């Protein structure tokens, strides 16, 4: 009787396949909380995701999540798009990050590859202002259309110190306890 040995897909194999294909263009390899994570150039986001999708060994064919982040101290790369991909057949996940300048926050849309990217990209645009080039309907999804700012950017103070309608004593912060 012949038994076929099925080799489990590991993080090492994923990294090896990606490095063979893209070389030094993929950087910042890490495994925070056990999830393989790397950074790709923003202009390559679709090429990398297409490879992850098409490769018969990898089969990352499910976009679990897509979101943005703002890093004001990362000059020239202030905005980031973070993709969480899942290979259902291999039951393994990975995280890919791309960074873009806040002055020209352009990243190619993933809607042609993953239909579920549609609303996730709209939400990321709505809150961070990232322009998903080629998106079929990149409009605000949760905030009002008239907003002229992106509320999740770290450009605003957390709380207005001049507010007079809020008394810390009423919220148990400070004052005398009787």
N, C-alpha and C. Protein backbone atom coordinates (compact mmCIF):
# COMPACT_ATOMS: atom_id res chain seq x y z
N UNK A 1 0.84 -1.18 0.00
CA UNK A 1 0.00 0.00 0.00
C UNK A 1 0.89 1.24 0.00
N UNK A 2 0.60 2.20 -0.89
CA UNK A 2 1.38 3.43 -0.96
C UNK A 2 0.67 4.55 -0.22
N UNK A 3 1.44 5.24 0.55
CA UNK A 3 0.88 6.39 1.26
C UNK A 3 1.53 7.65 0.70
N UNK A 4 0.69 8.61 0.41
CA UNK A 4 1.21 9.88 -0.07
C UNK A 4 1.49 10.77 1.14
N UNK A 5 2.70 11.29 1.20
CA UNK A 5 3.08 12.17 2.29
C UNK A 5 2.63 13.58 1.96
N UNK A 6 1.78 14.12 2.77
CA UNK A 6 1.30 15.49 2.57
C UNK A 6 2.06 16.37 3.55
N UNK A 7 2.78 17.32 2.96
CA UNK A 7 3.58 18.21 3.79
C UNK A 7 2.76 19.43 4.17
N UNK A 8 2.72 19.74 5.45
CA UNK A 8 1.96 20.90 5.92
C UNK A 8 2.67 22.18 5.51
N UNK A 9 1.87 23.16 5.14
CA UNK A 9 2.42 24.47 4.79
C UNK A 9 2.86 25.17 6.07
N UNK A 10 4.11 25.60 6.08
CA UNK A 10 4.66 26.28 7.26
C UNK A 10 5.01 27.73 6.91
N UNK A 11 5.25 28.51 7.94
CA UNK A 11 5.67 29.90 7.74
C UNK A 11 6.98 29.96 6.98
N UNK A 12 7.85 29.01 7.23
CA UNK A 12 9.15 28.98 6.54
C UNK A 12 8.97 28.76 5.04
N UNK A 13 8.05 27.87 4.67
CA UNK A 13 7.78 27.60 3.25
C UNK A 13 7.18 28.84 2.60
N UNK A 14 6.26 29.50 3.28
CA UNK A 14 5.64 30.71 2.74
C UNK A 14 6.70 31.77 2.50
N UNK A 15 7.54 32.00 3.49
CA UNK A 15 8.60 33.02 3.36
C UNK A 15 9.55 32.64 2.22
N UNK A 16 9.89 31.38 2.12
CA UNK A 16 10.80 30.92 1.06
C UNK A 16 10.19 31.16 -0.32
N UNK A 17 8.90 30.81 -0.50
CA UNK A 17 8.22 31.00 -1.80
C UNK A 17 8.15 32.49 -2.16
N UNK A 18 7.81 33.31 -1.18
CA UNK A 18 7.72 34.75 -1.43
C UNK A 18 9.09 35.36 -1.74
N UNK A 19 10.12 34.91 -1.03
CA UNK A 19 11.47 35.42 -1.27
C UNK A 19 11.99 34.98 -2.63
N UNK A 20 11.67 33.75 -3.03
CA UNK A 20 12.06 33.28 -4.37
C UNK A 20 11.45 34.16 -5.46
N UNK A 21 10.22 34.57 -5.26
CA UNK A 21 9.49 35.34 -6.27
C UNK A 21 9.85 36.83 -6.23
N UNK A 22 9.94 37.42 -5.02
CA UNK A 22 10.08 38.87 -4.90
C UNK A 22 11.40 39.35 -4.30
N UNK A 23 12.21 38.43 -3.83
CA UNK A 23 13.53 38.77 -3.31
C UNK A 23 13.51 39.79 -2.19
N UNK A 24 14.42 40.75 -2.31
CA UNK A 24 14.62 41.75 -1.26
C UNK A 24 13.53 42.82 -1.24
N UNK A 25 12.57 42.76 -2.17
CA UNK A 25 11.51 43.77 -2.20
C UNK A 25 10.56 43.61 -1.01
N UNK A 26 10.49 42.43 -0.44
CA UNK A 26 9.69 42.20 0.75
C UNK A 26 10.58 42.31 1.96
N UNK A 27 10.16 43.11 2.93
CA UNK A 27 11.01 43.43 4.08
C UNK A 27 10.23 43.29 5.39
N UNK A 28 10.89 43.65 6.47
CA UNK A 28 10.31 43.69 7.81
C UNK A 28 9.62 42.38 8.19
N UNK A 29 10.27 41.27 7.90
CA UNK A 29 9.73 39.96 8.26
C UNK A 29 9.68 39.82 9.78
N UNK A 30 8.56 39.39 10.28
CA UNK A 30 8.40 39.18 11.72
C UNK A 30 7.27 38.18 11.95
N UNK A 31 7.10 37.78 13.21
CA UNK A 31 6.01 36.87 13.58
C UNK A 31 5.35 37.33 14.87
N UNK A 32 4.79 38.55 14.87
CA UNK A 32 4.11 38.98 16.11
C UNK A 32 2.89 38.10 16.37
N UNK A 33 2.79 37.64 17.61
CA UNK A 33 1.69 36.76 18.04
C UNK A 33 1.59 35.52 17.16
N UNK A 34 2.72 35.09 16.59
CA UNK A 34 2.76 33.86 15.82
C UNK A 34 2.27 33.99 14.38
N UNK A 35 1.94 35.20 13.93
CA UNK A 35 1.45 35.38 12.56
C UNK A 35 2.57 35.95 11.68
N UNK A 36 2.90 35.23 10.62
CA UNK A 36 3.92 35.69 9.69
C UNK A 36 3.50 37.04 9.11
N UNK A 37 4.39 38.02 9.20
CA UNK A 37 4.11 39.37 8.79
C UNK A 37 5.27 39.90 7.97
N UNK A 38 4.96 40.64 6.91
CA UNK A 38 6.00 41.26 6.10
C UNK A 38 5.46 42.54 5.48
N UNK A 39 6.38 43.34 4.95
CA UNK A 39 6.03 44.59 4.29
C UNK A 39 6.40 44.49 2.82
N UNK A 40 5.50 44.97 1.97
CA UNK A 40 5.72 45.02 0.53
C UNK A 40 5.62 46.48 0.07
N UNK A 41 6.30 46.84 -1.00
CA UNK A 41 6.12 48.20 -1.53
C UNK A 41 4.66 48.40 -1.95
N UNK A 42 4.12 49.59 -1.73
CA UNK A 42 2.71 49.87 -2.02
C UNK A 42 2.35 49.57 -3.46
N UNK A 43 3.25 49.87 -4.39
CA UNK A 43 2.95 49.65 -5.81
C UNK A 43 2.94 48.18 -6.19
N UNK A 44 3.35 47.30 -5.26
CA UNK A 44 3.37 45.86 -5.53
C UNK A 44 2.29 45.08 -4.79
N UNK A 45 1.39 45.78 -4.10
CA UNK A 45 0.42 45.05 -3.27
C UNK A 45 -0.38 44.02 -4.07
N UNK A 46 -0.83 44.38 -5.27
CA UNK A 46 -1.61 43.43 -6.07
C UNK A 46 -0.77 42.28 -6.61
N UNK A 47 0.45 42.56 -7.01
CA UNK A 47 1.32 41.50 -7.53
C UNK A 47 1.57 40.44 -6.46
N UNK A 48 1.83 40.90 -5.24
CA UNK A 48 2.10 39.96 -4.14
C UNK A 48 0.84 39.17 -3.80
N UNK A 49 -0.29 39.86 -3.69
CA UNK A 49 -1.54 39.16 -3.35
C UNK A 49 -1.95 38.20 -4.46
N UNK A 50 -1.74 38.58 -5.72
CA UNK A 50 -2.07 37.69 -6.83
C UNK A 50 -1.22 36.43 -6.79
N UNK A 51 0.08 36.59 -6.46
CA UNK A 51 0.95 35.43 -6.33
C UNK A 51 0.48 34.53 -5.19
N UNK A 52 0.17 35.13 -4.04
CA UNK A 52 -0.31 34.36 -2.90
C UNK A 52 -1.60 33.62 -3.23
N UNK A 53 -2.44 34.22 -4.03
CA UNK A 53 -3.71 33.63 -4.44
C UNK A 53 -3.51 32.49 -5.43
N UNK A 54 -2.69 32.73 -6.45
CA UNK A 54 -2.53 31.77 -7.56
C UNK A 54 -1.62 30.59 -7.26
N UNK A 55 -0.61 30.79 -6.43
CA UNK A 55 0.37 29.75 -6.16
C UNK A 55 -0.31 28.51 -5.58
N UNK A 56 -0.16 27.37 -6.22
CA UNK A 56 -0.85 26.14 -5.81
C UNK A 56 -0.35 25.59 -4.48
N UNK A 57 0.82 25.99 -4.05
CA UNK A 57 1.30 25.57 -2.74
C UNK A 57 0.70 26.44 -1.65
N UNK A 58 0.60 27.75 -1.91
CA UNK A 58 0.18 28.70 -0.88
C UNK A 58 -1.34 28.84 -0.77
N UNK A 59 -2.01 29.15 -1.85
CA UNK A 59 -3.48 29.23 -1.91
C UNK A 59 -4.10 30.18 -0.89
N UNK A 60 -3.59 31.41 -0.79
CA UNK A 60 -4.19 32.41 0.09
C UNK A 60 -5.33 33.06 -0.68
N UNK A 61 -6.52 32.48 -0.55
CA UNK A 61 -7.66 32.89 -1.37
C UNK A 61 -8.80 33.52 -0.58
N UNK A 62 -8.52 33.89 0.67
CA UNK A 62 -9.54 34.53 1.49
C UNK A 62 -8.94 35.75 2.17
N UNK A 63 -9.55 36.91 1.93
CA UNK A 63 -9.14 38.14 2.60
C UNK A 63 -9.95 38.25 3.89
N UNK A 64 -9.29 38.01 5.01
CA UNK A 64 -9.96 38.03 6.30
C UNK A 64 -10.26 39.46 6.72
N UNK A 65 -9.27 40.34 6.52
CA UNK A 65 -9.44 41.71 6.98
C UNK A 65 -8.51 42.62 6.20
N UNK A 66 -8.89 43.87 6.15
CA UNK A 66 -8.09 44.92 5.52
C UNK A 66 -8.39 46.17 6.32
N UNK A 67 -7.36 46.87 6.75
CA UNK A 67 -7.56 48.09 7.52
C UNK A 67 -6.40 49.03 7.28
N UNK A 68 -6.47 50.18 7.89
CA UNK A 68 -5.42 51.17 7.77
C UNK A 68 -4.82 51.50 9.11
N UNK A 69 -3.72 52.25 9.06
CA UNK A 69 -3.08 52.75 10.28
C UNK A 69 -2.33 54.02 9.90
N UNK A 70 -2.16 54.88 10.88
CA UNK A 70 -1.45 56.14 10.66
C UNK A 70 -0.23 56.18 11.59
N UNK A 71 0.94 56.36 10.98
CA UNK A 71 2.20 56.45 11.71
C UNK A 71 2.83 57.80 11.39
N UNK A 72 2.46 58.87 12.12
CA UNK A 72 2.93 60.21 11.78
C UNK A 72 4.44 60.37 11.81
N UNK A 73 5.15 59.56 12.57
CA UNK A 73 6.61 59.69 12.67
C UNK A 73 7.36 58.92 11.59
N UNK A 74 6.68 58.19 10.77
CA UNK A 74 7.31 57.40 9.71
C UNK A 74 7.28 58.24 8.42
N UNK A 75 8.19 59.16 8.30
CA UNK A 75 8.21 60.15 7.22
C UNK A 75 8.24 59.50 5.84
N UNK A 76 7.30 59.93 4.99
CA UNK A 76 7.19 59.39 3.64
C UNK A 76 6.42 58.09 3.57
N UNK A 77 6.08 57.54 4.73
CA UNK A 77 5.31 56.29 4.82
C UNK A 77 4.31 56.40 5.98
N UNK A 78 3.62 57.52 6.04
CA UNK A 78 2.77 57.79 7.20
C UNK A 78 1.52 56.90 7.26
N UNK A 79 1.01 56.52 6.12
CA UNK A 79 -0.21 55.70 6.11
C UNK A 79 0.12 54.27 5.71
N UNK A 80 -0.61 53.34 6.29
CA UNK A 80 -0.37 51.93 6.02
C UNK A 80 -1.69 51.23 5.75
N UNK A 81 -1.64 50.26 4.85
CA UNK A 81 -2.77 49.34 4.65
C UNK A 81 -2.28 47.97 5.12
N UNK A 82 -3.06 47.34 5.96
CA UNK A 82 -2.71 46.03 6.50
C UNK A 82 -3.72 45.01 5.99
N UNK A 83 -3.20 43.96 5.36
CA UNK A 83 -4.04 42.89 4.82
C UNK A 83 -3.83 41.63 5.65
N UNK A 84 -4.91 40.97 6.02
CA UNK A 84 -4.84 39.66 6.68
C UNK A 84 -5.41 38.66 5.69
N UNK A 85 -4.57 37.73 5.26
CA UNK A 85 -4.96 36.72 4.28
C UNK A 85 -4.97 35.34 4.93
N UNK A 86 -5.86 34.47 4.43
CA UNK A 86 -6.01 33.14 5.01
C UNK A 86 -6.00 32.11 3.89
N UNK A 87 -5.18 31.09 4.04
CA UNK A 87 -5.21 29.94 3.15
C UNK A 87 -6.09 28.90 3.82
N UNK A 88 -7.33 28.82 3.38
CA UNK A 88 -8.29 27.91 4.01
C UNK A 88 -7.86 26.45 3.87
N UNK A 89 -7.33 26.08 2.69
CA UNK A 89 -6.91 24.70 2.45
C UNK A 89 -5.77 24.29 3.39
N UNK A 90 -4.90 25.25 3.70
CA UNK A 90 -3.75 24.95 4.55
C UNK A 90 -3.93 25.40 5.99
N UNK A 91 -5.04 26.10 6.26
CA UNK A 91 -5.35 26.63 7.58
C UNK A 91 -4.19 27.41 8.18
N UNK A 92 -3.73 28.40 7.42
CA UNK A 92 -2.67 29.27 7.90
C UNK A 92 -2.96 30.70 7.44
N UNK A 93 -2.57 31.65 8.27
CA UNK A 93 -2.83 33.06 7.98
C UNK A 93 -1.51 33.82 7.89
N UNK A 94 -1.59 34.98 7.24
CA UNK A 94 -0.44 35.88 7.21
C UNK A 94 -0.92 37.32 7.13
N UNK A 95 0.01 38.23 7.44
CA UNK A 95 -0.28 39.65 7.42
C UNK A 95 0.70 40.33 6.48
N UNK A 96 0.16 41.15 5.58
CA UNK A 96 1.00 41.94 4.67
C UNK A 96 0.70 43.41 4.90
N UNK A 97 1.76 44.20 4.98
CA UNK A 97 1.61 45.65 5.17
C UNK A 97 2.21 46.37 3.98
N UNK A 98 1.58 47.47 3.61
CA UNK A 98 2.16 48.39 2.63
C UNK A 98 2.07 49.79 3.23
N UNK A 99 3.06 50.63 2.93
CA UNK A 99 3.09 52.00 3.43
C UNK A 99 3.05 52.98 2.27
N UNK A 100 2.42 54.12 2.50
CA UNK A 100 2.29 55.13 1.46
C UNK A 100 2.42 56.52 2.10
N UNK A 101 2.91 57.49 1.35
CA UNK A 101 3.02 58.84 1.92
C UNK A 101 1.64 59.48 2.09
N UNK A 102 1.49 60.29 3.11
CA UNK A 102 0.21 60.94 3.38
C UNK A 102 -0.14 61.95 2.30
N UNK A 103 0.87 62.49 1.60
CA UNK A 103 0.63 63.47 0.54
C UNK A 103 0.00 62.82 -0.69
N UNK A 104 0.30 61.57 -0.94
CA UNK A 104 -0.25 60.84 -2.09
C UNK A 104 -0.55 59.40 -1.66
N UNK A 105 -1.64 59.25 -0.92
CA UNK A 105 -1.94 57.93 -0.32
C UNK A 105 -2.61 56.95 -1.29
N UNK A 106 -1.90 56.60 -2.36
CA UNK A 106 -2.46 55.71 -3.39
C UNK A 106 -2.00 54.28 -3.21
N UNK A 107 -2.97 53.36 -3.23
CA UNK A 107 -2.72 51.93 -3.17
C UNK A 107 -3.72 51.28 -4.14
N UNK A 108 -3.29 50.30 -4.89
CA UNK A 108 -4.19 49.64 -5.84
C UNK A 108 -5.28 48.87 -5.11
N UNK A 109 -6.49 48.93 -5.64
CA UNK A 109 -7.61 48.20 -5.04
C UNK A 109 -7.44 46.69 -5.21
N UNK A 110 -7.93 45.96 -4.23
CA UNK A 110 -7.90 44.49 -4.29
C UNK A 110 -9.26 43.92 -4.63
N UNK A 111 -10.19 44.77 -5.09
CA UNK A 111 -11.56 44.31 -5.33
C UNK A 111 -11.68 43.32 -6.48
N UNK A 112 -10.77 43.35 -7.44
CA UNK A 112 -10.84 42.39 -8.55
C UNK A 112 -10.40 40.99 -8.10
N UNK A 113 -9.58 40.95 -7.06
CA UNK A 113 -9.09 39.67 -6.54
C UNK A 113 -9.99 39.14 -5.42
N UNK A 114 -10.43 40.05 -4.55
CA UNK A 114 -11.28 39.69 -3.41
C UNK A 114 -12.50 40.62 -3.40
N UNK A 115 -13.67 40.09 -3.68
CA UNK A 115 -14.88 40.91 -3.69
C UNK A 115 -15.12 41.55 -2.33
N UNK A 116 -14.75 40.86 -1.26
CA UNK A 116 -14.94 41.39 0.09
C UNK A 116 -14.11 42.61 0.40
N UNK A 117 -13.12 42.91 -0.44
CA UNK A 117 -12.29 44.09 -0.22
C UNK A 117 -13.07 45.38 -0.44
N UNK A 118 -14.16 45.30 -1.17
CA UNK A 118 -14.93 46.49 -1.53
C UNK A 118 -15.27 47.36 -0.32
N UNK A 119 -16.01 46.82 0.60
CA UNK A 119 -16.45 47.62 1.75
C UNK A 119 -15.30 47.89 2.72
N UNK A 120 -14.37 46.95 2.84
CA UNK A 120 -13.23 47.18 3.72
C UNK A 120 -12.38 48.34 3.22
N UNK A 121 -12.19 48.45 1.91
CA UNK A 121 -11.43 49.56 1.34
C UNK A 121 -12.20 50.87 1.49
N UNK A 122 -13.51 50.82 1.34
CA UNK A 122 -14.30 52.04 1.54
C UNK A 122 -14.20 52.53 2.98
N UNK A 123 -14.23 51.60 3.93
CA UNK A 123 -14.10 51.98 5.34
C UNK A 123 -12.71 52.57 5.61
N UNK A 124 -11.69 51.96 5.04
CA UNK A 124 -10.32 52.43 5.24
C UNK A 124 -10.14 53.81 4.60
N UNK A 125 -10.74 54.02 3.44
CA UNK A 125 -10.73 55.35 2.82
C UNK A 125 -11.46 56.35 3.73
N UNK A 126 -12.63 55.96 4.21
CA UNK A 126 -13.47 56.83 5.02
C UNK A 126 -12.76 57.32 6.28
N UNK A 127 -12.00 56.45 6.92
CA UNK A 127 -11.38 56.81 8.19
C UNK A 127 -9.93 57.26 8.08
N UNK A 128 -9.20 56.81 7.06
CA UNK A 128 -7.78 57.16 6.94
C UNK A 128 -7.45 57.98 5.69
N UNK A 129 -8.34 58.01 4.71
CA UNK A 129 -8.09 58.78 3.50
C UNK A 129 -7.18 58.08 2.50
N UNK A 130 -7.06 56.79 2.58
CA UNK A 130 -6.23 56.06 1.62
C UNK A 130 -7.03 55.88 0.33
N UNK A 131 -6.42 56.28 -0.79
CA UNK A 131 -7.07 56.23 -2.09
C UNK A 131 -6.79 54.88 -2.74
N UNK A 132 -7.82 54.06 -2.87
CA UNK A 132 -7.67 52.76 -3.50
C UNK A 132 -7.91 52.91 -5.00
N UNK A 133 -6.83 53.02 -5.73
CA UNK A 133 -6.86 53.27 -7.16
C UNK A 133 -7.56 52.11 -7.88
N UNK A 134 -8.59 52.45 -8.68
CA UNK A 134 -9.33 51.45 -9.43
C UNK A 134 -10.55 50.92 -8.70
N UNK A 135 -10.80 51.39 -7.49
CA UNK A 135 -11.98 50.92 -6.73
C UNK A 135 -13.25 51.33 -7.47
N UNK A 136 -14.25 50.44 -7.56
CA UNK A 136 -15.45 50.75 -8.33
C UNK A 136 -16.36 51.83 -7.72
N UNK A 137 -16.25 52.09 -6.41
CA UNK A 137 -17.13 53.07 -5.78
C UNK A 137 -16.51 53.59 -4.49
N UNK A 138 -15.39 54.26 -4.60
CA UNK A 138 -14.66 54.71 -3.41
C UNK A 138 -15.32 55.96 -2.84
N UNK A 139 -16.35 55.74 -2.04
CA UNK A 139 -17.06 56.82 -1.37
C UNK A 139 -17.14 56.48 0.11
N UNK A 140 -17.47 57.49 0.90
CA UNK A 140 -17.60 57.26 2.34
C UNK A 140 -18.68 56.22 2.59
N UNK A 141 -18.47 55.44 3.64
CA UNK A 141 -19.40 54.35 3.93
C UNK A 141 -20.05 54.50 5.31
N UNK A 142 -19.37 55.15 6.26
CA UNK A 142 -19.92 55.33 7.60
C UNK A 142 -20.05 56.79 8.01
N UNK A 143 -19.15 57.63 7.56
CA UNK A 143 -19.20 59.05 7.90
C UNK A 143 -20.00 59.82 6.85
N UNK A 144 -20.40 61.02 7.19
CA UNK A 144 -21.18 61.84 6.26
C UNK A 144 -20.31 62.29 5.09
N UNK A 145 -20.91 62.40 3.95
CA UNK A 145 -20.18 62.79 2.73
C UNK A 145 -19.50 64.15 2.86
N UNK A 146 -20.05 65.03 3.67
CA UNK A 146 -19.52 66.39 3.80
C UNK A 146 -18.23 66.48 4.61
N UNK A 147 -17.84 65.41 5.27
CA UNK A 147 -16.60 65.45 6.07
C UNK A 147 -15.43 65.76 5.17
N UNK A 148 -14.58 66.67 5.62
CA UNK A 148 -13.39 67.03 4.84
C UNK A 148 -12.11 66.61 5.55
N UNK A 149 -12.23 65.66 6.46
CA UNK A 149 -11.07 65.12 7.18
C UNK A 149 -11.28 63.63 7.40
N UNK A 150 -10.24 62.98 7.89
CA UNK A 150 -10.27 61.53 8.10
C UNK A 150 -10.02 61.27 9.58
N UNK A 151 -11.06 60.89 10.33
CA UNK A 151 -11.01 60.90 11.80
C UNK A 151 -10.06 59.93 12.48
N UNK A 152 -9.56 58.90 11.80
CA UNK A 152 -8.66 57.96 12.47
C UNK A 152 -7.19 58.35 12.33
N UNK A 153 -6.91 59.40 11.61
CA UNK A 153 -5.53 59.89 11.55
C UNK A 153 -5.18 60.52 12.88
N UNK A 154 -3.93 60.41 13.26
CA UNK A 154 -3.48 60.94 14.54
C UNK A 154 -3.09 62.41 14.39
N UNK A 155 -4.04 63.20 13.90
CA UNK A 155 -3.80 64.62 13.67
C UNK A 155 -4.56 65.50 14.65
N UNK A 156 -5.30 64.91 15.54
CA UNK A 156 -6.16 65.66 16.43
C UNK A 156 -5.88 65.28 17.87
N UNK A 157 -6.08 66.24 18.77
CA UNK A 157 -5.89 65.93 20.18
C UNK A 157 -6.99 64.97 20.63
N UNK A 158 -6.67 64.18 21.61
CA UNK A 158 -7.63 63.19 22.10
C UNK A 158 -8.84 63.84 22.75
N UNK A 159 -8.62 64.95 23.43
CA UNK A 159 -9.70 65.60 24.15
C UNK A 159 -9.44 67.09 24.18
N UNK A 160 -10.48 67.87 24.06
CA UNK A 160 -10.37 69.32 24.08
C UNK A 160 -10.19 69.79 25.52
N UNK A 161 -9.02 70.34 25.87
CA UNK A 161 -8.78 70.75 27.25
C UNK A 161 -9.60 71.97 27.67
N UNK A 162 -10.23 72.65 26.73
CA UNK A 162 -11.01 73.85 27.07
C UNK A 162 -12.48 73.54 27.34
N UNK A 163 -12.86 72.28 27.26
CA UNK A 163 -14.27 71.93 27.49
C UNK A 163 -14.70 72.31 28.90
N UNK A 164 -15.87 72.92 29.01
CA UNK A 164 -16.40 73.28 30.34
C UNK A 164 -17.61 72.42 30.71
N UNK A 165 -18.08 71.61 29.75
CA UNK A 165 -19.25 70.78 30.02
C UNK A 165 -18.89 69.44 30.66
N UNK A 166 -17.62 69.27 30.94
CA UNK A 166 -17.18 67.99 31.50
C UNK A 166 -16.40 68.26 32.78
N UNK A 167 -16.89 67.75 33.87
CA UNK A 167 -16.24 67.93 35.16
C UNK A 167 -15.67 66.58 35.59
N UNK A 168 -14.34 66.49 35.67
CA UNK A 168 -13.69 65.23 36.02
C UNK A 168 -14.21 64.66 37.35
N UNK A 169 -14.59 65.54 38.25
CA UNK A 169 -15.08 65.09 39.55
C UNK A 169 -16.34 64.24 39.39
N UNK A 170 -17.16 64.58 38.40
CA UNK A 170 -18.41 63.85 38.17
C UNK A 170 -18.15 62.45 37.62
N UNK A 171 -16.97 62.24 37.07
CA UNK A 171 -16.64 60.94 36.48
C UNK A 171 -15.68 60.14 37.34
N UNK A 172 -15.50 60.57 38.60
CA UNK A 172 -14.65 59.84 39.52
C UNK A 172 -13.18 60.02 39.28
N UNK A 173 -12.82 61.08 38.53
CA UNK A 173 -11.40 61.36 38.28
C UNK A 173 -11.03 62.67 38.95
N UNK A 174 -10.43 62.54 40.10
CA UNK A 174 -10.03 63.75 40.82
C UNK A 174 -11.09 64.19 41.79
N UNK A 175 -10.81 65.23 42.48
CA UNK A 175 -11.78 65.76 43.47
C UNK A 175 -11.69 64.98 44.76
N UNK A 176 -12.52 65.36 45.69
CA UNK A 176 -12.53 64.76 47.01
C UNK A 176 -13.63 63.70 47.10
N UNK A 177 -13.27 62.53 47.61
CA UNK A 177 -14.24 61.47 47.80
C UNK A 177 -14.78 61.59 49.21
N UNK A 178 -16.12 61.63 49.34
CA UNK A 178 -16.74 61.79 50.67
C UNK A 178 -17.28 60.47 51.14
